[in-house]
Amino acid sequence: MAATKTTFTRDAGLQSRMLLTLFLLGALYVAFVGVLFAAGVQGITILLIAGGFAALQFFTSDKLALHAMGAKEVSAQEAPELHSMIERLCIQADLPKPKIAVAYTEMPNAFALGKSQKSATVCATTGIMKMLSPAELEGVMAHELAHVKNRDVAIMTIASFFASVAAMILQFGFLFGGGGHSDDDDGPGFLVILLASLVVYVLSFLLMMALSRYREFTADRGAALVTGRPSALASALRKISSGMDRLPQQDLRVANELSAFFIASPKKIIGGLFSTHPPMEKRIEQLMRLEGELQRGTLAAA
């Protein structure tokens, strides 16, 4: 039976938050560049060097992330069931088929990358494919495709790019600005650069965290709409959470840099301020509420 397209309206709350995040990041960086100009030529030199490295990272971020996870793109011959599942979900969600990758790790997780719908990559780990049933895995992959559909992956990539610029300037400042300068004029200039970079990094990080938590709820809802089985994704999230708790911390540490992009964070963080994801129990609670709405025939696309 041919798959049918599902009504997949964009979440107005997510769209407004993405626009606000971009606006605040833009305003933050206008002020940041102004501070660097005021600090003198050395600060601008550092900005250019760090910006060059960060731009390289930005345009190669997908390949770098996949390499960091030990993942590789797989063909339909290498992973026929995964390809078939994602093809079907893409038809239902009205999306172009992304590149498909597999990460060879026992960590049960999945993520999506890409700066546009046409350049997206979705990746599942071997751990998650072994752990979940087909219906549960379908819910997880629908969640990742919802990120692509909402274009929030691109916004997160841009936000993390900005944070990377500030982090690199901090590193360059400590390496080249702290020592070897006896001129009194150099010290205050570099101090301003370091303080401004620190402020930009922290604020960029907090903006990313706030957006990341909201986008997970939206992607969960999108997966529920596309698959029609919110309970399957809820079951998957329970298994993933339990499976990550059993893994040694050294196995999770390699994935920490990509934490915001995973369906479930490998980081163990006390408190919600610095968490990239909402509490798992709240996500499961929302999905079970959607399951009830679906059974009553009241589940709406918007």
Foldseek 3Di string as FASTA:
>chain_A
DAAAAFDADADPVLVVLLVVLVVVLVVLVVVLVVLQVVLDDVSVVLLVVLLVVLVVCLVCVVVVLCVLLQKDFDDCVRPVVVQVLQVSLCNHHVADRETEMERAALQFWKFKADQARHHIYIYGYPNNVVQADPLLVSLRVLLRVLCRVNSVRNSLSVLVSQLSSLVSSLVCLVVPQPDDDPDPSSNVSSVSSNVSSVVSNVVSQQSQLVSLAVSLLSSLLSSCRSSVQLVSNLVSLVRSVVSLVPDDLVSLVSCQVVQSGINHGSDDDDDRRNHSYDDSVVSSVVSVVLNVCSVVVNRDSD
